[in-house]
Amino acid sequence: MREGADRAVSGRPERSARGRALLPLFALAARPAGTRANGEHAVFSMACTYKRADVEVFVGSLRATGFDGHVQFGVDAALDNVTASYYASERVTTDSIPCETIPLLTDALRASHGLWLGGLNQVRYSHYVRWLDERPSLVWVWLLDARDVVFVRHPFERSPPAIALFAEMPASSVWVNQRVSTCFGERAAREMMATLRYNLCGGTVYGTAASLRRFSDAMLGVAKRMSVDGAKRRVCHVNDQPLINYLAWQQGMRAPGAHETTELGAVQLHGLFQGPALTIKTPRVCEVFTLLLQKRQNGTGQIAIVHKWNKCPAARAFAAARYPHLPVARARSWRRR
C-alpha cells in the first residue's frame, strides 16, 4: 500500500451528526500509469440456475464501466437461448463444469472426497483455481457473487496489494460464529467472537492471480479440515462465509488493516467504506451509503462495486438512474441473515 493509503487505513473515523463513527472512504493504492489495460485482468463468478434477468445488472454495469476484458461464469449446461445469446453478445466465457457437479454431491461422492466436498459456495474455489491455471497471463482478478452486484466504476482502477478482503459488518457475526462453533469447535467460535473487529464478505474478493490461487487453495484446505458428519454436514458444507472468517482469524487477522500472513502472504483487510467494494448488509450501512450519495451528488467516491445493492433503496435508485437500460427495477430483494 502507498503511504497515503496507509494513513487512510489507520486514520480516525469521521463522526456523524448522531455521534456514531463513520469509517473513512478510502480505496486501494492508485494504480501506476498505463496499467488499466483490460486484457490482463478478469472477473470470475458462478451463475448456476441463473437466467439473463438474474445477471444482466452485473454484466451490463460491468461492461458499461469500460471493462472489456475477461469475464467467466459457471453456468448450466443447458442454457436457454436468451441467456446463452446474452452471454455471447457480452463476451462472457461460460463453463458448465461447476454447475454440472452440484446434483452429484451425494453423501457417497462426498465420502470419496474425504467428507469435504460441499455446496457451490465452497466448491467454487476449486473451479477458480482451475480457471486461474487455464489463464496464466492474468494479473488482477475479482471473485464475486453474480446476482446482487452492481459496478459503479471500473473495477481495476486500483491495484490490489496481493489479496484484498472486505468486511460487511464491523464485528463478528452471530450466525458465522454459530457455524464456526458447529464446524470447528466452541473454543474457536468464542475466541473469534471476542477478538474479531469485522465480519468478512465471501462475495467480494480481489487480488493478484497468484495470490488468489493461494487464497482459493487455503479456503479448500479449511473446508477439508472440517471433521463433521451426519446432520452437521448439511450446514458445514454449504456456505463459505464461516470459512473465510475462520481462515482470516486463523491467520492472525483480528482487525482491518495490512497483514502479512504465513499462508496467504500480504492481505489488506478493508473495513466498511475502506476500499473499492462495499457490501450493504445492514440498515446502518445503507444509511451511510445514502449520506455518501447525497454528499457526493450521486457519486460513490472510489467505491467501484456495490454488493447487495438491492437491499438499500438509495442504492436501487442510484443504480436505476445510472443504468436505465438495465432491469434494475426487477431486481430481487434478498433476506437478511
C-alpha atoms as a PDB file:
ATOM      1  CA  MET A   1       0.000   0.000   0.000  1.00  0.00           C
ATOM      2  CA  ARG A   2       1.167   3.548  -0.652  1.00  0.00           C
ATOM      3  CA  GLU A   3       1.851   5.960   2.185  1.00  0.00           C
ATOM      4  CA  GLY A   4      -1.405   7.853   1.694  1.00  0.00           C
ATOM      5  CA  ALA A   5      -3.432   4.678   1.725  1.00  0.00           C
ATOM      6  CA  ASP A   6      -1.587   3.528   4.876  1.00  0.00           C
ATOM      7  CA  ARG A   7      -2.566   6.754   6.592  1.00  0.00           C
ATOM      8  CA  ALA A   8      -6.116   6.255   5.431  1.00  0.00           C
ATOM      9  CA  VAL A   9      -6.430   2.807   6.916  1.00  0.00           C
ATOM     10  CA  SER A  10      -5.051   3.930  10.275  1.00  0.00           C
ATOM     11  CA  GLY A  11      -6.795   7.304  10.359  1.00  0.00           C
ATOM     12  CA  ARG A  12      -9.506   8.191  12.841  1.00  0.00           C
ATOM     13  CA  PRO A  13     -13.078   7.871  11.534  1.00  0.00           C
ATOM     14  CA  GLU A  14     -15.368  10.784  10.972  1.00  0.00           C
ATOM     15  CA  ARG A  15     -18.418  11.158  13.170  1.00  0.00           C
ATOM     16  CA  SER A  16     -21.957  11.586  12.014  1.00  0.00           C
ATOM     17  CA  ALA A  17     -24.426  14.100  13.397  1.00  0.00           C
ATOM     18  CA  ARG A  18     -25.677  11.330  15.667  1.00  0.00           C
ATOM     19  CA  GLY A  19     -22.216  10.853  17.097  1.00  0.00           C
ATOM     20  CA  ARG A  20     -21.614   7.397  15.648  1.00  0.00           C
ATOM     21  CA  ALA A  21     -18.373   6.678  13.899  1.00  0.00           C
ATOM     22  CA  LEU A  22     -18.385   6.676  10.114  1.00  0.00           C
ATOM     23  CA  LEU A  23     -15.448   4.863   8.589  1.00  0.00           C
ATOM     24  CA  PRO A  24     -13.406   6.948   6.115  1.00  0.00           C
ATOM     25  CA  LEU A  25     -13.833   6.390   2.396  1.00  0.00           C
ATOM     26  CA  PHE A  26     -10.573   5.039   1.062  1.00  0.00           C
ATOM     27  CA  ALA A  27      -9.647   2.801  -1.823  1.00  0.00           C
ATOM     28  CA  LEU A  28      -6.701   0.604  -2.624  1.00  0.00           C
ATOM     29  CA  ALA A  29      -3.436   2.055  -3.810  1.00  0.00           C
ATOM     30  CA  ALA A  30      -3.745   4.064  -7.011  1.00  0.00           C
ATOM     31  CA  ARG A  31      -2.608   2.094  -9.995  1.00  0.00           C
ATOM     32  CA  PRO A  32       0.575   3.139 -11.826  1.00  0.00           C
ATOM     33  CA  ALA A  33       0.116   4.894 -15.146  1.00  0.00           C
ATOM     34  CA  GLY A  34      -0.552   2.618 -18.060  1.00  0.00           C
ATOM     35  CA  THR A  35      -1.826  -0.390 -16.091  1.00  0.00           C
ATOM     36  CA  ARG A  36      -5.530  -0.066 -16.829  1.00  0.00           C
ATOM     37  CA  ALA A  37      -5.317  -2.459 -19.771  1.00  0.00           C
ATOM     38  CA  ASN A  38      -8.364  -4.691 -19.639  1.00  0.00           C
ATOM     39  CA  GLY A  39      -6.911  -7.794 -21.222  1.00  0.00           C
ATOM     40  CA  GLU A  40      -4.667  -8.722 -18.315  1.00  0.00           C
ATOM     41  CA  HIS A  41      -7.435  -8.807 -15.707  1.00  0.00           C
ATOM     42  CA  ALA A  42     -10.549 -10.912 -15.105  1.00  0.00           C
ATOM     43  CA  VAL A  43     -13.806 -11.176 -13.210  1.00  0.00           C
ATOM     44  CA  PHE A  44     -14.940 -14.634 -12.043  1.00  0.00           C
ATOM     45  CA  SER A  45     -18.352 -15.651 -10.733  1.00  0.00           C
ATOM     46  CA  MET A  46     -20.838 -18.503 -10.527  1.00  0.00           C
ATOM     47  CA  ALA A  47     -24.277 -18.257 -12.149  1.00  0.00           C
ATOM     48  CA  CYS A  48     -25.753 -21.742 -11.812  1.00  0.00           C
ATOM     49  CA  THR A  49     -29.541 -21.758 -12.473  1.00  0.00           C
ATOM     50  CA  TYR A  50     -29.413 -18.038 -13.323  1.00  0.00           C
ATOM     51  CA  LYS A  51     -31.191 -16.541 -16.312  1.00  0.00           C
ATOM     52  CA  ARG A  52     -30.405 -13.371 -18.199  1.00  0.00           C
ATOM     53  CA  ALA A  53     -32.568 -11.313 -15.833  1.00  0.00           C
ATOM     54  CA  ASP A  54     -30.512 -12.535 -12.868  1.00  0.00           C
ATOM     55  CA  VAL A  55     -27.129 -11.469 -14.261  1.00  0.00           C
ATOM     56  CA  GLU A  56     -27.935  -8.554 -16.549  1.00  0.00           C
ATOM     57  CA  VAL A  57     -27.260  -5.897 -13.917  1.00  0.00           C
ATOM     58  CA  PHE A  58     -23.896  -7.483 -13.087  1.00  0.00           C
ATOM     59  CA  VAL A  59     -22.738  -7.958 -16.670  1.00  0.00           C
ATOM     60  CA  GLY A  60     -24.317  -4.836 -18.118  1.00  0.00           C
ATOM     61  CA  SER A  61     -22.959  -2.497 -15.448  1.00  0.00           C
ATOM     62  CA  LEU A  62     -19.504  -4.112 -15.669  1.00  0.00           C
ATOM     63  CA  ARG A  63     -19.291  -3.571 -19.408  1.00  0.00           C
ATOM     64  CA  ALA A  64     -20.681  -0.046 -19.007  1.00  0.00           C
ATOM     65  CA  THR A  65     -17.652   0.893 -16.866  1.00  0.00           C
ATOM     66  CA  GLY A  66     -15.439   0.312 -19.891  1.00  0.00           C
ATOM     67  CA  PHE A  67     -14.025  -3.026 -18.816  1.00  0.00           C
ATOM     68  CA  ASP A  68     -13.838  -5.230 -21.894  1.00  0.00           C
ATOM     69  CA  GLY A  69     -11.561  -7.925 -20.511  1.00  0.00           C
ATOM     70  CA  HIS A  70     -12.155 -11.497 -19.460  1.00  0.00           C
ATOM     71  CA  VAL A  71     -15.366 -12.395 -17.626  1.00  0.00           C
ATOM     72  CA  GLN A  72     -16.024 -16.038 -16.742  1.00  0.00           C
ATOM     73  CA  PHE A  73     -19.145 -17.615 -15.234  1.00  0.00           C
ATOM     74  CA  GLY A  74     -20.023 -21.077 -14.084  1.00  0.00           C
ATOM     75  CA  VAL A  75     -23.341 -21.797 -15.829  1.00  0.00           C
ATOM     76  CA  ASP A  76     -25.849 -24.554 -16.504  1.00  0.00           C
ATOM     77  CA  ALA A  77     -25.033 -26.927 -19.337  1.00  0.00           C
ATOM     78  CA  ALA A  78     -28.489 -26.451 -20.858  1.00  0.00           C
ATOM     79  CA  LEU A  79     -28.765 -22.678 -21.031  1.00  0.00           C
ATOM     80  CA  ASP A  80     -31.895 -21.219 -22.544  1.00  0.00           C
ATOM     81  CA  ASN A  81     -31.354 -19.428 -25.851  1.00  0.00           C
ATOM     82  CA  VAL A  82     -31.981 -15.959 -24.426  1.00  0.00           C
ATOM     83  CA  THR A  83     -29.356 -16.339 -21.694  1.00  0.00           C
ATOM     84  CA  ALA A  84     -26.841 -18.064 -23.964  1.00  0.00           C
ATOM     85  CA  SER A  85     -27.193 -15.333 -26.597  1.00  0.00           C
ATOM     86  CA  TYR A  86     -26.747 -12.660 -23.953  1.00  0.00           C
ATOM     87  CA  TYR A  87     -23.524 -14.206 -22.685  1.00  0.00           C
ATOM     88  CA  ALA A  88     -22.220 -14.427 -26.234  1.00  0.00           C
ATOM     89  CA  SER A  89     -23.101 -10.813 -27.012  1.00  0.00           C
ATOM     90  CA  GLU A  90     -21.363  -9.596 -23.836  1.00  0.00           C
ATOM     91  CA  ARG A  91     -18.310 -11.827 -24.381  1.00  0.00           C
ATOM     92  CA  VAL A  92     -18.786 -13.803 -21.172  1.00  0.00           C
ATOM     93  CA  THR A  93     -16.857 -17.076 -21.149  1.00  0.00           C
ATOM     94  CA  THR A  94     -19.042 -19.857 -19.760  1.00  0.00           C
ATOM     95  CA  ASP A  95     -18.122 -23.123 -18.073  1.00  0.00           C
ATOM     96  CA  SER A  96     -20.754 -25.727 -17.192  1.00  0.00           C
ATOM     97  CA  ILE A  97     -18.495 -27.974 -15.118  1.00  0.00           C
ATOM     98  CA  PRO A  98     -19.152 -26.177 -11.783  1.00  0.00           C
ATOM     99  CA  CYS A  99     -22.916 -26.384 -12.205  1.00  0.00           C
ATOM    100  CA  GLU A 100     -22.973 -29.913 -13.554  1.00  0.00           C
ATOM    101  CA  THR A 101     -21.324 -31.231 -10.382  1.00  0.00           C
ATOM    102  CA  ILE A 102     -23.949 -29.831  -7.996  1.00  0.00           C
ATOM    103  CA  PRO A 103     -26.595 -32.581  -8.423  1.00  0.00           C
ATOM    104  CA  LEU A 104     -23.864 -35.201  -7.973  1.00  0.00           C
ATOM    105  CA  LEU A 105     -22.927 -34.077  -4.474  1.00  0.00           C
ATOM    106  CA  THR A 106     -24.361 -37.139  -2.798  1.00  0.00           C
ATOM    107  CA  ASP A 107     -23.133 -38.478   0.521  1.00  0.00           C
ATOM    108  CA  ALA A 108     -21.251 -41.219  -1.327  1.00  0.00           C
ATOM    109  CA  LEU A 109     -19.411 -38.727  -3.513  1.00  0.00           C
ATOM    110  CA  ARG A 110     -18.615 -36.532  -0.527  1.00  0.00           C
ATOM    111  CA  ALA A 111     -17.230 -39.544   1.276  1.00  0.00           C
ATOM    112  CA  SER A 112     -14.994 -40.392  -1.675  1.00  0.00           C
ATOM    113  CA  HIS A 113     -13.518 -36.894  -1.417  1.00  0.00           C
ATOM    114  CA  GLY A 114     -12.784 -37.086   2.287  1.00  0.00           C
ATOM    115  CA  LEU A 115     -16.120 -35.725   3.548  1.00  0.00           C
ATOM    116  CA  TRP A 116     -15.371 -32.188   2.457  1.00  0.00           C
ATOM    117  CA  LEU A 117     -16.980 -31.753  -0.952  1.00  0.00           C
ATOM    118  CA  GLY A 118     -19.883 -29.411  -0.329  1.00  0.00           C
ATOM    119  CA  GLY A 119     -22.134 -26.817  -1.912  1.00  0.00           C
ATOM    120  CA  LEU A 120     -21.107 -24.474  -4.696  1.00  0.00           C
ATOM    121  CA  ASN A 121     -20.179 -21.637  -2.326  1.00  0.00           C
ATOM    122  CA  GLN A 122     -17.317 -23.829  -1.141  1.00  0.00           C
ATOM    123  CA  VAL A 123     -16.608 -25.916  -4.239  1.00  0.00           C
ATOM    124  CA  ARG A 124     -16.335 -22.816  -6.449  1.00  0.00           C
ATOM    125  CA  TYR A 125     -12.806 -22.221  -5.169  1.00  0.00           C
ATOM    126  CA  SER A 126     -11.636 -25.419  -6.851  1.00  0.00           C
ATOM    127  CA  HIS A 127     -13.005 -24.081 -10.135  1.00  0.00           C
ATOM    128  CA  TYR A 128     -11.395 -20.676  -9.559  1.00  0.00           C
ATOM    129  CA  VAL A 129      -8.065 -22.479  -9.212  1.00  0.00           C
ATOM    130  CA  ARG A 130      -8.706 -24.272 -12.493  1.00  0.00           C
ATOM    131  CA  TRP A 131      -9.677 -21.051 -14.275  1.00  0.00           C
ATOM    132  CA  LEU A 132      -6.580 -19.281 -12.970  1.00  0.00           C
ATOM    133  CA  ASP A 133      -4.379 -22.144 -14.145  1.00  0.00           C
ATOM    134  CA  GLU A 134      -6.015 -22.042 -17.575  1.00  0.00           C
ATOM    135  CA  ARG A 135      -5.114 -18.343 -17.960  1.00  0.00           C
ATOM    136  CA  PRO A 136      -1.571 -17.909 -16.615  1.00  0.00           C
ATOM    137  CA  SER A 137      -1.285 -14.406 -18.107  1.00  0.00           C
ATOM    138  CA  LEU A 138      -3.897 -12.915 -15.761  1.00  0.00           C
ATOM    139  CA  VAL A 139      -2.662 -10.240 -13.388  1.00  0.00           C
ATOM    140  CA  TRP A 140      -5.586  -8.989 -11.241  1.00  0.00           C
ATOM    141  CA  VAL A 141      -8.833 -10.843 -10.591  1.00  0.00           C
ATOM    142  CA  TRP A 142     -12.135 -10.271  -8.803  1.00  0.00           C
ATOM    143  CA  LEU A 143     -14.056 -13.209  -7.296  1.00  0.00           C
ATOM    144  CA  LEU A 144     -17.640 -12.003  -6.969  1.00  0.00           C
ATOM    145  CA  ASP A 145     -21.217 -13.030  -6.370  1.00  0.00           C
ATOM    146  CA  ALA A 146     -23.216 -12.586  -9.560  1.00  0.00           C
ATOM    147  CA  ARG A 147     -26.815 -11.851  -8.741  1.00  0.00           C
ATOM    148  CA  ASP A 148     -26.561  -8.910  -6.335  1.00  0.00           C
ATOM    149  CA  VAL A 149     -23.537  -6.919  -7.547  1.00  0.00           C
ATOM    150  CA  VAL A 150     -23.581  -3.662  -9.484  1.00  0.00           C
ATOM    151  CA  PHE A 151     -20.464  -1.926 -10.819  1.00  0.00           C
ATOM    152  CA  VAL A 152     -20.328   1.845 -10.499  1.00  0.00           C
ATOM    153  CA  ARG A 153     -16.706   2.389 -11.560  1.00  0.00           C
ATOM    154  CA  HIS A 154     -14.085   0.477 -13.493  1.00  0.00           C
ATOM    155  CA  PRO A 155     -13.190  -2.382 -11.112  1.00  0.00           C
ATOM    156  CA  PHE A 156      -9.481  -2.318 -11.893  1.00  0.00           C
ATOM    157  CA  GLU A 157      -8.734   1.337 -11.254  1.00  0.00           C
ATOM    158  CA  ARG A 158      -6.929   0.343  -8.072  1.00  0.00           C
ATOM    159  CA  SER A 159      -4.266  -2.332  -7.804  1.00  0.00           C
ATOM    160  CA  PRO A 160      -4.541  -4.912  -5.025  1.00  0.00           C
ATOM    161  CA  PRO A 161      -1.653  -5.240  -2.532  1.00  0.00           C
ATOM    162  CA  ALA A 162      -1.891  -9.029  -3.036  1.00  0.00           C
ATOM    163  CA  ILE A 163      -5.217 -10.081  -1.541  1.00  0.00           C
ATOM    164  CA  ALA A 164      -7.963  -7.626  -0.634  1.00  0.00           C
ATOM    165  CA  LEU A 165     -10.787  -8.783   1.648  1.00  0.00           C
ATOM    166  CA  PHE A 166     -13.785  -6.675   2.609  1.00  0.00           C
ATOM    167  CA  ALA A 167     -15.797  -6.514   5.815  1.00  0.00           C
ATOM    168  CA  GLU A 168     -19.568  -6.378   5.657  1.00  0.00           C
ATOM    169  CA  MET A 169     -20.009  -5.757   9.394  1.00  0.00           C
ATOM    170  CA  PRO A 170     -17.714  -4.116  11.993  1.00  0.00           C
ATOM    171  CA  ALA A 171     -17.926  -7.066  14.394  1.00  0.00           C
ATOM    172  CA  SER A 172     -18.084 -10.830  14.270  1.00  0.00           C
ATOM    173  CA  SER A 173     -21.449 -12.191  13.134  1.00  0.00           C
ATOM    174  CA  VAL A 174     -23.536 -14.335  15.476  1.00  0.00           C
ATOM    175  CA  TRP A 175     -24.589 -16.509  12.551  1.00  0.00           C
ATOM    176  CA  VAL A 176     -20.981 -17.044  11.423  1.00  0.00           C
ATOM    177  CA  ASN A 177     -19.937 -17.887  14.976  1.00  0.00           C
ATOM    178  CA  GLN A 178     -22.730 -20.415  15.297  1.00  0.00           C
ATOM    179  CA  ARG A 179     -21.444 -22.123  12.160  1.00  0.00           C
ATOM    180  CA  VAL A 180     -17.842 -21.964  13.395  1.00  0.00           C
ATOM    181  CA  SER A 181     -18.910 -23.468  16.707  1.00  0.00           C
ATOM    182  CA  THR A 182     -20.664 -26.323  14.904  1.00  0.00           C
ATOM    183  CA  CYS A 183     -17.945 -26.952  12.338  1.00  0.00           C
ATOM    184  CA  PHE A 184     -14.673 -26.024  14.081  1.00  0.00           C
ATOM    185  CA  GLY A 185     -15.478 -26.142  17.780  1.00  0.00           C
ATOM    186  CA  GLU A 186     -16.806 -23.897  20.524  1.00  0.00           C
ATOM    187  CA  ARG A 187     -13.382 -22.633  21.585  1.00  0.00           C
ATOM    188  CA  ALA A 188     -12.598 -21.174  18.154  1.00  0.00           C
ATOM    189  CA  ALA A 189     -16.052 -19.586  17.998  1.00  0.00           C
ATOM    190  CA  ARG A 190     -15.667 -17.969  21.446  1.00  0.00           C
ATOM    191  CA  GLU A 191     -12.259 -16.550  20.582  1.00  0.00           C
ATOM    192  CA  MET A 192     -13.484 -15.225  17.240  1.00  0.00           C
ATOM    193  CA  MET A 193     -16.500 -13.554  18.808  1.00  0.00           C
ATOM    194  CA  ALA A 194     -14.308 -11.928  21.454  1.00  0.00           C
ATOM    195  CA  THR A 195     -11.451 -10.741  19.238  1.00  0.00           C
ATOM    196  CA  LEU A 196     -12.618 -10.062  15.678  1.00  0.00           C
ATOM    197  CA  ARG A 197     -13.458  -6.498  14.687  1.00  0.00           C
ATOM    198  CA  TYR A 198     -15.046  -7.414  11.377  1.00  0.00           C
ATOM    199  CA  ASN A 199     -17.217  -9.934   9.578  1.00  0.00           C
ATOM    200  CA  LEU A 200     -15.832 -10.658   6.137  1.00  0.00           C
ATOM    201  CA  CYS A 201     -17.896 -10.933   2.983  1.00  0.00           C
ATOM    202  CA  GLY A 202     -17.311 -14.029   0.870  1.00  0.00           C
ATOM    203  CA  GLY A 203     -18.805 -12.425  -2.241  1.00  0.00           C
ATOM    204  CA  THR A 204     -16.172  -9.713  -2.823  1.00  0.00           C
ATOM    205  CA  VAL A 205     -12.546 -10.850  -3.028  1.00  0.00           C
ATOM    206  CA  TYR A 206      -9.839  -9.094  -5.050  1.00  0.00           C
ATOM    207  CA  GLY A 207      -6.205  -9.868  -5.654  1.00  0.00           C
ATOM    208  CA  THR A 208      -3.380 -10.807  -7.928  1.00  0.00           C
ATOM    209  CA  ALA A 209      -3.903 -14.047  -9.803  1.00  0.00           C
ATOM    210  CA  ALA A 210      -1.091 -15.773  -7.929  1.00  0.00           C
ATOM    211  CA  SER A 211      -2.335 -14.663  -4.521  1.00  0.00           C
ATOM    212  CA  LEU A 212      -5.914 -15.694  -5.279  1.00  0.00           C
ATOM    213  CA  ARG A 213      -4.713 -19.139  -6.196  1.00  0.00           C
ATOM    214  CA  ARG A 214      -3.138 -19.383  -2.736  1.00  0.00           C
ATOM    215  CA  PHE A 215      -6.314 -18.000  -1.204  1.00  0.00           C
ATOM    216  CA  SER A 216      -8.530 -20.493  -3.043  1.00  0.00           C
ATOM    217  CA  ASP A 217      -6.280 -23.386  -2.024  1.00  0.00           C
ATOM    218  CA  ALA A 218      -6.421 -22.162   1.571  1.00  0.00           C
ATOM    219  CA  MET A 219     -10.229 -21.957   1.512  1.00  0.00           C
ATOM    220  CA  LEU A 220     -10.425 -25.514   0.188  1.00  0.00           C
ATOM    221  CA  GLY A 221      -7.943 -26.590   2.842  1.00  0.00           C
ATOM    222  CA  VAL A 222     -10.117 -25.128   5.605  1.00  0.00           C
ATOM    223  CA  ALA A 223     -13.148 -26.956   4.182  1.00  0.00           C
ATOM    224  CA  LYS A 224     -11.246 -30.222   4.077  1.00  0.00           C
ATOM    225  CA  ARG A 225     -10.096 -29.854   7.684  1.00  0.00           C
ATOM    226  CA  MET A 226     -13.653 -29.759   8.991  1.00  0.00           C
ATOM    227  CA  SER A 227     -14.405 -33.053  10.677  1.00  0.00           C
ATOM    228  CA  VAL A 228     -18.175 -33.323  10.613  1.00  0.00           C
ATOM    229  CA  ASP A 229     -20.739 -35.905   9.705  1.00  0.00           C
ATOM    230  CA  GLY A 230     -24.456 -36.565   9.863  1.00  0.00           C
ATOM    231  CA  ALA A 231     -26.650 -33.501  10.392  1.00  0.00           C
ATOM    232  CA  LYS A 232     -23.651 -31.199  10.839  1.00  0.00           C
ATOM    233  CA  ARG A 233     -22.519 -31.912   7.302  1.00  0.00           C
ATOM    234  CA  ARG A 234     -25.670 -30.311   5.938  1.00  0.00           C
ATOM    235  CA  VAL A 235     -24.776 -26.944   7.483  1.00  0.00           C
ATOM    236  CA  CYS A 236     -20.973 -27.059   7.467  1.00  0.00           C
ATOM    237  CA  HIS A 237     -20.527 -27.866   3.784  1.00  0.00           C
ATOM    238  CA  VAL A 238     -22.810 -25.209   2.333  1.00  0.00           C
ATOM    239  CA  ASN A 239     -21.647 -21.628   2.943  1.00  0.00           C
ATOM    240  CA  ASP A 240     -18.192 -20.151   2.553  1.00  0.00           C
ATOM    241  CA  GLN A 241     -18.604 -17.133   4.842  1.00  0.00           C
ATOM    242  CA  PRO A 242     -17.772 -19.072   8.019  1.00  0.00           C
ATOM    243  CA  LEU A 243     -14.718 -20.442   6.213  1.00  0.00           C
ATOM    244  CA  ILE A 244     -13.326 -17.077   5.089  1.00  0.00           C
ATOM    245  CA  ASN A 245     -13.755 -15.578   8.561  1.00  0.00           C
ATOM    246  CA  TYR A 246     -12.242 -18.628  10.231  1.00  0.00           C
ATOM    247  CA  LEU A 247      -9.319 -18.564   7.790  1.00  0.00           C
ATOM    248  CA  ALA A 248      -8.666 -14.863   8.448  1.00  0.00           C
ATOM    249  CA  TRP A 249      -8.814 -15.416  12.214  1.00  0.00           C
ATOM    250  CA  GLN A 250      -6.544 -18.450  11.930  1.00  0.00           C
ATOM    251  CA  GLN A 251      -4.030 -16.311  10.022  1.00  0.00           C
ATOM    252  CA  GLY A 252      -3.940 -13.752  12.837  1.00  0.00           C
ATOM    253  CA  MET A 253      -6.087 -11.032  11.301  1.00  0.00           C
ATOM    254  CA  ARG A 254      -8.048  -9.506  14.162  1.00  0.00           C
ATOM    255  CA  ALA A 255      -8.901  -6.072  12.739  1.00  0.00           C
ATOM    256  CA  PRO A 256      -8.928  -4.180   9.424  1.00  0.00           C
ATOM    257  CA  GLY A 257      -5.552  -3.114   8.106  1.00  0.00           C
ATOM    258  CA  ALA A 258      -2.487  -4.504   6.345  1.00  0.00           C
ATOM    259  CA  HIS A 259      -1.426  -8.004   7.358  1.00  0.00           C
ATOM    260  CA  GLU A 260       1.439 -10.294   6.439  1.00  0.00           C
ATOM    261  CA  THR A 261       0.305 -13.891   6.855  1.00  0.00           C
ATOM    262  CA  THR A 262       2.128 -17.199   6.713  1.00  0.00           C
ATOM    263  CA  GLU A 263      -0.265 -18.982   4.365  1.00  0.00           C
ATOM    264  CA  LEU A 264      -1.742 -16.185   2.251  1.00  0.00           C
ATOM    265  CA  GLY A 265       1.070 -13.642   2.090  1.00  0.00           C
ATOM    266  CA  ALA A 266       0.122  -9.946   2.091  1.00  0.00           C
ATOM    267  CA  VAL A 267      -3.541  -9.248   2.829  1.00  0.00           C
ATOM    268  CA  GLN A 268      -5.310  -5.910   3.049  1.00  0.00           C
ATOM    269  CA  LEU A 269      -8.426  -6.329   5.150  1.00  0.00           C
ATOM    270  CA  HIS A 270     -10.773  -3.429   4.454  1.00  0.00           C
ATOM    271  CA  GLY A 271     -13.338  -2.175   6.893  1.00  0.00           C
ATOM    272  CA  LEU A 272     -16.643  -0.750   5.728  1.00  0.00           C
ATOM    273  CA  PHE A 273     -16.232   2.035   3.136  1.00  0.00           C
ATOM    274  CA  GLN A 274     -12.466   1.396   3.062  1.00  0.00           C
ATOM    275  CA  GLY A 275     -11.940   0.082  -0.420  1.00  0.00           C
ATOM    276  CA  PRO A 276     -13.303  -0.417  -3.922  1.00  0.00           C
ATOM    277  CA  ALA A 277     -16.022  -2.849  -2.782  1.00  0.00           C
ATOM    278  CA  LEU A 278     -18.903  -2.246  -0.394  1.00  0.00           C
ATOM    279  CA  THR A 279     -21.464  -4.758   0.887  1.00  0.00           C
ATOM    280  CA  ILE A 280     -24.722  -3.243   2.113  1.00  0.00           C
ATOM    281  CA  LYS A 281     -25.534  -5.790   4.774  1.00  0.00           C
ATOM    282  CA  THR A 282     -27.336  -3.702   7.397  1.00  0.00           C
ATOM    283  CA  PRO A 283     -29.694  -0.689   7.559  1.00  0.00           C
ATOM    284  CA  ARG A 284     -26.865   1.357   9.073  1.00  0.00           C
ATOM    285  CA  VAL A 285     -24.609   0.735   6.081  1.00  0.00           C
ATOM    286  CA  CYS A 286     -27.499   1.683   3.784  1.00  0.00           C
ATOM    287  CA  GLU A 287     -27.943   4.893   5.783  1.00  0.00           C
ATOM    288  CA  VAL A 288     -24.275   5.829   5.447  1.00  0.00           C
ATOM    289  CA  PHE A 289     -24.279   4.958   1.746  1.00  0.00           C
ATOM    290  CA  THR A 290     -27.304   7.234   1.297  1.00  0.00           C
ATOM    291  CA  LEU A 291     -25.415  10.075   3.011  1.00  0.00           C
ATOM    292  CA  LEU A 292     -22.431   9.385   0.766  1.00  0.00           C
ATOM    293  CA  LEU A 293     -24.557   9.715  -2.356  1.00  0.00           C
ATOM    294  CA  GLN A 294     -26.003  12.986  -1.070  1.00  0.00           C
ATOM    295  CA  LYS A 295     -22.601  14.372  -0.130  1.00  0.00           C
ATOM    296  CA  ARG A 296     -21.063  13.456  -3.476  1.00  0.00           C
ATOM    297  CA  GLN A 297     -24.112  14.412  -5.532  1.00  0.00           C
ATOM    298  CA  ASN A 298     -24.892  10.867  -6.618  1.00  0.00           C
ATOM    299  CA  GLY A 299     -21.288   9.775  -6.775  1.00  0.00           C
ATOM    300  CA  THR A 300     -19.770   6.861  -4.868  1.00  0.00           C
ATOM    301  CA  GLY A 301     -16.255   8.193  -4.398  1.00  0.00           C
ATOM    302  CA  GLN A 302     -13.773   5.423  -5.095  1.00  0.00           C
ATOM    303  CA  ILE A 303     -16.213   2.578  -4.500  1.00  0.00           C
ATOM    304  CA  ALA A 304     -16.340   0.532  -7.700  1.00  0.00           C
ATOM    305  CA  ILE A 305     -18.529  -2.400  -6.650  1.00  0.00           C
ATOM    306  CA  VAL A 306     -21.695  -2.325  -4.565  1.00  0.00           C
ATOM    307  CA  HIS A 307     -22.689  -5.751  -3.294  1.00  0.00           C
ATOM    308  CA  LYS A 308     -26.244  -6.379  -2.059  1.00  0.00           C
ATOM    309  CA  TRP A 309     -27.191  -3.030  -3.522  1.00  0.00           C
ATOM    310  CA  ASN A 310     -30.779  -4.233  -3.836  1.00  0.00           C
ATOM    311  CA  LYS A 311     -31.148  -4.187  -0.043  1.00  0.00           C
ATOM    312  CA  CYS A 312     -30.884  -0.384   0.047  1.00  0.00           C
ATOM    313  CA  PRO A 313     -33.491   1.961  -1.511  1.00  0.00           C
ATOM    314  CA  ALA A 314     -30.893   4.655  -2.216  1.00  0.00           C
ATOM    315  CA  ALA A 315     -28.622   2.151  -3.935  1.00  0.00           C
ATOM    316  CA  ARG A 316     -31.504   0.822  -6.005  1.00  0.00           C
ATOM    317  CA  ALA A 317     -32.433   4.354  -7.081  1.00  0.00           C
ATOM    318  CA  PHE A 318     -28.805   5.157  -7.845  1.00  0.00           C
ATOM    319  CA  ALA A 319     -28.418   2.029  -9.994  1.00  0.00           C
ATOM    320  CA  ALA A 320     -31.677   2.726 -11.824  1.00  0.00           C
ATOM    321  CA  ALA A 321     -30.557   6.272 -12.629  1.00  0.00           C
ATOM    322  CA  ARG A 322     -27.063   5.178 -13.667  1.00  0.00           C
ATOM    323  CA  TYR A 323     -28.244   2.276 -15.812  1.00  0.00           C
ATOM    324  CA  PRO A 324     -31.761   2.978 -17.099  1.00  0.00           C
ATOM    325  CA  HIS A 325     -31.297   0.312 -19.787  1.00  0.00           C
ATOM    326  CA  LEU A 326     -30.830  -2.470 -17.203  1.00  0.00           C
ATOM    327  CA  PRO A 327     -33.616  -4.327 -15.346  1.00  0.00           C
ATOM    328  CA  VAL A 328     -32.803  -2.728 -12.018  1.00  0.00           C
ATOM    329  CA  ALA A 329     -36.468  -2.344 -11.080  1.00  0.00           C
ATOM    330  CA  ARG A 330     -36.936  -6.124 -11.343  1.00  0.00           C
ATOM    331  CA  ALA A 331     -34.005  -6.905  -9.060  1.00  0.00           C
ATOM    332  CA  ARG A 332     -34.810  -9.193  -6.194  1.00  0.00           C
ATOM    333  CA  SER A 333     -34.545  -8.070  -2.581  1.00  0.00           C
ATOM    334  CA  TRP A 334     -32.706 -10.642  -0.505  1.00  0.00           C
ATOM    335  CA  ARG A 335     -33.467 -11.616   3.042  1.00  0.00           C
ATOM    336  CA  ARG A 336     -31.006 -10.548   5.690  1.00  0.00           C
ATOM    337  CA  ARG A 337     -29.330 -13.321   7.597  1.00  0.00           C
END
